[in-house]
N, C-alpha and C. Protein backbone atom coordinates (compact mmCIF):
# COMPACT_ATOMS: atom_id res chain seq x y z
N UNK A 1 44.15 -216.13 -207.27
CA UNK A 1 43.97 -215.23 -207.54
C UNK A 1 43.39 -214.68 -206.51
N UNK A 2 42.98 -213.20 -206.87
CA UNK A 2 43.18 -211.93 -206.02
C UNK A 2 41.84 -211.48 -205.46
N UNK A 3 41.77 -211.26 -203.96
CA UNK A 3 40.33 -210.78 -203.51
C UNK A 3 40.96 -209.25 -203.07
N UNK A 4 39.54 -208.62 -203.25
CA UNK A 4 39.76 -206.96 -202.07
C UNK A 4 38.68 -207.22 -200.96
N UNK A 5 38.81 -206.48 -200.22
CA UNK A 5 38.17 -206.06 -199.21
C UNK A 5 36.45 -206.75 -199.89
N UNK A 6 35.66 -206.74 -199.00
CA UNK A 6 33.95 -206.81 -198.61
C UNK A 6 33.81 -208.21 -199.82
N UNK A 7 34.97 -209.16 -200.42
CA UNK A 7 35.19 -210.56 -200.98
C UNK A 7 33.85 -211.13 -199.96
N UNK A 8 33.35 -212.25 -200.32
CA UNK A 8 33.14 -213.69 -199.67
C UNK A 8 33.96 -214.63 -199.62
N UNK A 9 35.15 -215.35 -199.49
CA UNK A 9 35.19 -216.22 -199.77
C UNK A 9 35.07 -217.98 -198.42
N UNK A 10 35.86 -218.52 -198.94
CA UNK A 10 35.65 -220.09 -198.51
C UNK A 10 36.89 -221.19 -198.17
N UNK A 11 37.15 -221.50 -197.67
CA UNK A 11 38.38 -222.73 -197.34
C UNK A 11 37.64 -223.47 -195.81
N UNK A 12 38.67 -224.26 -196.64
CA UNK A 12 38.72 -225.99 -195.17
C UNK A 12 39.50 -225.89 -195.07
N UNK A 13 39.68 -225.95 -192.90
CA UNK A 13 40.64 -226.02 -192.50
C UNK A 13 40.88 -227.51 -191.86
N UNK A 14 42.04 -227.44 -190.92
CA UNK A 14 41.81 -229.08 -190.53
C UNK A 14 42.57 -228.33 -189.42
N UNK A 15 41.90 -229.37 -187.97
CA UNK A 15 43.03 -229.40 -186.80
C UNK A 15 42.12 -230.44 -185.99
N UNK A 16 42.98 -230.92 -185.53
CA UNK A 16 42.58 -231.86 -184.28
C UNK A 16 41.94 -233.68 -185.10
N UNK A 17 42.47 -233.41 -186.46
CA UNK A 17 41.98 -235.48 -186.89
C UNK A 17 40.18 -234.17 -187.50
N UNK A 18 39.99 -233.09 -187.57
CA UNK A 18 38.52 -232.71 -188.30
C UNK A 18 39.34 -231.99 -189.15
N UNK A 19 37.83 -231.79 -190.39
CA UNK A 19 37.77 -230.65 -191.03
C UNK A 19 36.52 -229.61 -191.41
N UNK A 20 37.09 -228.97 -190.58
CA UNK A 20 35.87 -227.44 -190.75
C UNK A 20 35.96 -226.46 -192.14
N UNK A 21 34.81 -226.37 -193.11
CA UNK A 21 34.78 -225.02 -193.98
C UNK A 21 33.93 -224.19 -193.30
N UNK A 22 35.30 -223.02 -193.85
CA UNK A 22 34.80 -221.77 -192.82
C UNK A 22 34.74 -220.68 -194.83
N UNK A 23 33.41 -219.59 -194.11
CA UNK A 23 32.96 -218.61 -195.04
C UNK A 23 32.99 -217.14 -194.06
N UNK A 24 33.87 -216.29 -195.02
CA UNK A 24 33.22 -215.38 -193.85
C UNK A 24 33.83 -213.97 -195.57
N UNK A 25 34.38 -213.11 -194.58
CA UNK A 25 34.35 -211.31 -195.67
C UNK A 25 36.00 -211.09 -195.24
N UNK A 26 36.68 -211.55 -196.59
CA UNK A 26 37.92 -210.43 -196.52
C UNK A 26 37.75 -208.70 -195.82
N UNK A 27 38.44 -209.03 -194.50
CA UNK A 27 38.96 -207.55 -194.25
C UNK A 27 39.31 -206.78 -194.07
N UNK A 28 40.48 -207.51 -194.59
CA UNK A 28 42.57 -206.75 -195.08
C UNK A 28 42.84 -207.62 -195.62
N UNK A 29 43.48 -206.95 -196.89
CA UNK A 29 44.43 -206.86 -197.69
C UNK A 29 45.84 -207.03 -197.06
N UNK A 30 46.02 -208.33 -197.26
CA UNK A 30 48.20 -207.90 -196.35
C UNK A 30 48.56 -207.70 -197.38
N UNK A 31 49.67 -207.05 -197.13
CA UNK A 31 50.72 -206.82 -198.95
C UNK A 31 51.72 -207.62 -198.54
N UNK A 32 52.19 -207.81 -199.53
CA UNK A 32 53.63 -209.36 -199.51
C UNK A 32 54.76 -208.90 -198.54
N UNK A 33 55.26 -209.49 -197.74
CA UNK A 33 56.00 -209.26 -196.39
C UNK A 33 55.55 -208.34 -195.42
N UNK A 34 54.14 -208.21 -195.57
CA UNK A 34 54.35 -207.33 -194.36
C UNK A 34 52.98 -208.63 -193.44
N UNK A 35 52.51 -208.33 -192.38
CA UNK A 35 51.50 -208.89 -191.51
C UNK A 35 50.64 -208.03 -190.68
N UNK A 36 49.63 -209.03 -190.66
CA UNK A 36 48.28 -208.46 -190.69
C UNK A 36 48.14 -207.16 -189.51
N UNK A 37 46.90 -206.18 -189.78
CA UNK A 37 47.18 -205.16 -188.65
C UNK A 37 47.31 -205.67 -186.74
N UNK A 38 48.40 -204.89 -186.46
CA UNK A 38 48.00 -206.11 -185.01
C UNK A 38 46.78 -205.26 -184.42
N UNK A 39 46.92 -204.09 -184.23
CA UNK A 39 45.78 -203.03 -183.68
C UNK A 39 44.61 -203.33 -183.99
N UNK A 40 44.40 -203.76 -185.01
CA UNK A 40 42.75 -204.16 -185.65
C UNK A 40 41.90 -206.07 -185.26
N UNK A 41 43.25 -206.23 -185.55
CA UNK A 41 43.50 -207.82 -185.19
C UNK A 41 44.50 -208.40 -184.62
N UNK A 42 44.21 -208.22 -182.94
CA UNK A 42 44.52 -208.45 -182.00
C UNK A 42 44.23 -209.60 -181.60
N UNK A 43 43.25 -210.45 -181.91
CA UNK A 43 42.96 -211.54 -181.77
C UNK A 43 44.19 -213.07 -182.68
N UNK A 44 44.37 -212.32 -183.53
CA UNK A 44 45.87 -212.91 -184.40
C UNK A 44 46.59 -213.42 -183.77
N UNK A 45 47.10 -212.17 -182.70
CA UNK A 45 48.64 -212.35 -182.30
C UNK A 45 48.89 -212.71 -180.81
N UNK A 46 47.76 -213.02 -180.30
CA UNK A 46 46.97 -214.25 -179.15
C UNK A 46 47.88 -216.02 -179.71
N UNK A 47 48.28 -216.66 -178.07
CA UNK A 47 48.77 -217.78 -178.61
C UNK A 47 49.36 -218.20 -179.01
N UNK A 48 49.40 -218.80 -180.57
CA UNK A 48 51.04 -219.00 -181.24
C UNK A 48 51.45 -217.72 -181.99
N UNK A 49 50.49 -217.17 -182.99
CA UNK A 49 50.33 -215.81 -183.25
C UNK A 49 50.33 -216.01 -185.22
N UNK A 50 50.69 -214.66 -185.32
CA UNK A 50 50.75 -214.76 -186.88
C UNK A 50 51.99 -215.76 -187.66
N UNK A 51 52.76 -215.80 -187.00
CA UNK A 51 54.11 -215.90 -187.70
C UNK A 51 54.97 -214.73 -187.86
N UNK A 52 55.63 -215.45 -189.44
CA UNK A 52 56.48 -214.91 -190.25
C UNK A 52 55.33 -214.56 -191.71
N UNK A 53 55.82 -212.88 -191.73
CA UNK A 53 55.21 -212.34 -193.05
C UNK A 53 55.24 -213.66 -193.61
N UNK A 54 54.13 -212.94 -194.82
CA UNK A 54 53.97 -214.33 -196.01
C UNK A 54 54.69 -213.45 -197.19
N UNK A 55 55.34 -213.92 -197.73
CA UNK A 55 56.43 -213.94 -199.57
C UNK A 55 55.06 -213.71 -200.59
N UNK A 56 53.91 -213.41 -200.19
CA UNK A 56 52.55 -212.85 -201.19
C UNK A 56 51.58 -212.48 -200.66
N UNK A 57 50.91 -211.59 -201.37
CA UNK A 57 49.22 -210.35 -200.48
C UNK A 57 48.89 -211.96 -199.99
N UNK A 58 48.55 -211.26 -199.52
CA UNK A 58 47.28 -212.08 -198.32
C UNK A 58 46.20 -211.59 -197.84
N UNK A 59 44.89 -212.50 -197.07
CA UNK A 59 43.38 -211.66 -196.62
C UNK A 59 43.96 -212.08 -195.09
N UNK A 60 43.26 -210.67 -194.35
CA UNK A 60 42.26 -211.45 -192.90
C UNK A 60 41.31 -211.99 -193.03
N UNK A 61 40.39 -213.07 -193.18
CA UNK A 61 38.99 -212.87 -193.02
C UNK A 61 38.62 -212.82 -191.58
N UNK A 62 36.81 -212.17 -192.67
CA UNK A 62 36.09 -212.00 -190.92
C UNK A 62 34.76 -213.46 -190.69
N UNK A 63 35.30 -214.23 -190.00
CA UNK A 63 34.12 -214.71 -190.38
C UNK A 63 32.69 -215.24 -189.08
N UNK A 64 31.54 -215.01 -189.46
CA UNK A 64 30.43 -214.82 -188.65
C UNK A 64 29.37 -215.76 -187.83
N UNK A 65 29.58 -215.90 -186.69
CA UNK A 65 29.19 -217.51 -186.11
C UNK A 65 28.08 -217.03 -185.07
N UNK A 66 27.29 -217.88 -185.25
CA UNK A 66 25.98 -217.77 -184.01
C UNK A 66 26.59 -218.03 -182.74
N UNK A 67 27.76 -219.55 -182.55
CA UNK A 67 27.80 -220.31 -181.00
C UNK A 67 29.36 -218.61 -181.06
N UNK A 68 30.18 -219.02 -181.62
CA UNK A 68 31.16 -217.60 -180.79
C UNK A 68 31.44 -216.53 -181.55
N UNK A 69 30.34 -215.66 -182.28
CA UNK A 69 30.56 -214.17 -182.87
C UNK A 69 31.13 -213.42 -183.42
N UNK A 70 31.99 -213.34 -183.79
CA UNK A 70 33.20 -212.73 -184.75
C UNK A 70 34.96 -213.19 -184.72
N UNK A 71 35.31 -213.82 -185.87
CA UNK A 71 36.24 -214.46 -185.44
C UNK A 71 37.07 -213.53 -186.72
N UNK A 72 38.71 -212.85 -186.09
CA UNK A 72 39.47 -213.41 -187.62
C UNK A 72 40.29 -214.55 -187.58
N UNK A 73 40.39 -214.48 -188.76
CA UNK A 73 41.56 -215.50 -189.60
C UNK A 73 42.47 -215.20 -190.96
N UNK A 74 43.87 -215.61 -190.71
CA UNK A 74 44.26 -215.12 -191.85
C UNK A 74 44.84 -216.83 -192.55
N UNK A 75 43.62 -217.04 -193.43
CA UNK A 75 44.03 -218.41 -193.93
C UNK A 75 44.81 -218.39 -195.21
N UNK A 76 45.78 -219.61 -195.70
CA UNK A 76 46.78 -219.70 -196.42
C UNK A 76 46.06 -219.34 -198.14
N UNK A 77 46.66 -218.22 -198.98
CA UNK A 77 45.76 -217.64 -200.05
C UNK A 77 45.17 -219.42 -201.07
N UNK A 78 46.38 -220.29 -200.69
CA UNK A 78 45.81 -221.36 -201.58
C UNK A 78 45.02 -222.68 -201.49
N UNK A 79 44.08 -221.62 -200.63
CA UNK A 79 43.24 -222.98 -199.99
C UNK A 79 41.80 -221.21 -200.37
N UNK A 80 41.74 -220.45 -200.18
CA UNK A 80 40.77 -219.13 -200.60
C UNK A 80 39.93 -219.66 -202.17
N UNK A 81 39.09 -219.88 -201.78
CA UNK A 81 38.33 -220.14 -202.65
C UNK A 81 37.33 -219.03 -202.43
N UNK A 82 36.64 -218.41 -204.20
CA UNK A 82 35.53 -217.05 -204.25
C UNK A 82 34.29 -218.04 -203.83
N UNK A 83 32.93 -217.02 -202.82
CA UNK A 83 31.59 -217.40 -202.84
C UNK A 83 31.40 -217.34 -204.54
N UNK A 84 31.43 -216.47 -204.64
CA UNK A 84 30.28 -215.41 -205.75
C UNK A 84 30.83 -216.49 -206.81
N UNK A 85 31.81 -216.78 -207.02
CA UNK A 85 32.47 -218.09 -208.35
C UNK A 85 32.67 -218.84 -208.05
N UNK A 86 33.25 -219.51 -207.09
CA UNK A 86 32.99 -220.83 -206.52
C UNK A 86 34.62 -220.95 -207.45
N UNK A 87 35.71 -220.15 -208.17
CA UNK A 87 36.77 -219.90 -208.14
C UNK A 87 37.75 -219.93 -207.26
């Protein structure tokens, strides 16, 4: 499934033995072979960084949270589902 900027998506991530479902808005479409815009999404490049580019179109997702404010993620596309359609 492909998404565009402004689409609402959801996915489940796993870390430290627990799963969390996140829901947010697509804020950048990343072209095949590229990585997210470093100037716009510097937080993705901290710590372990974003790693290698992907061999398919991918998406940066903004998640708003009362506790942490705004966070950006570059989730695996295979895990994304549309909030509007559930697909």
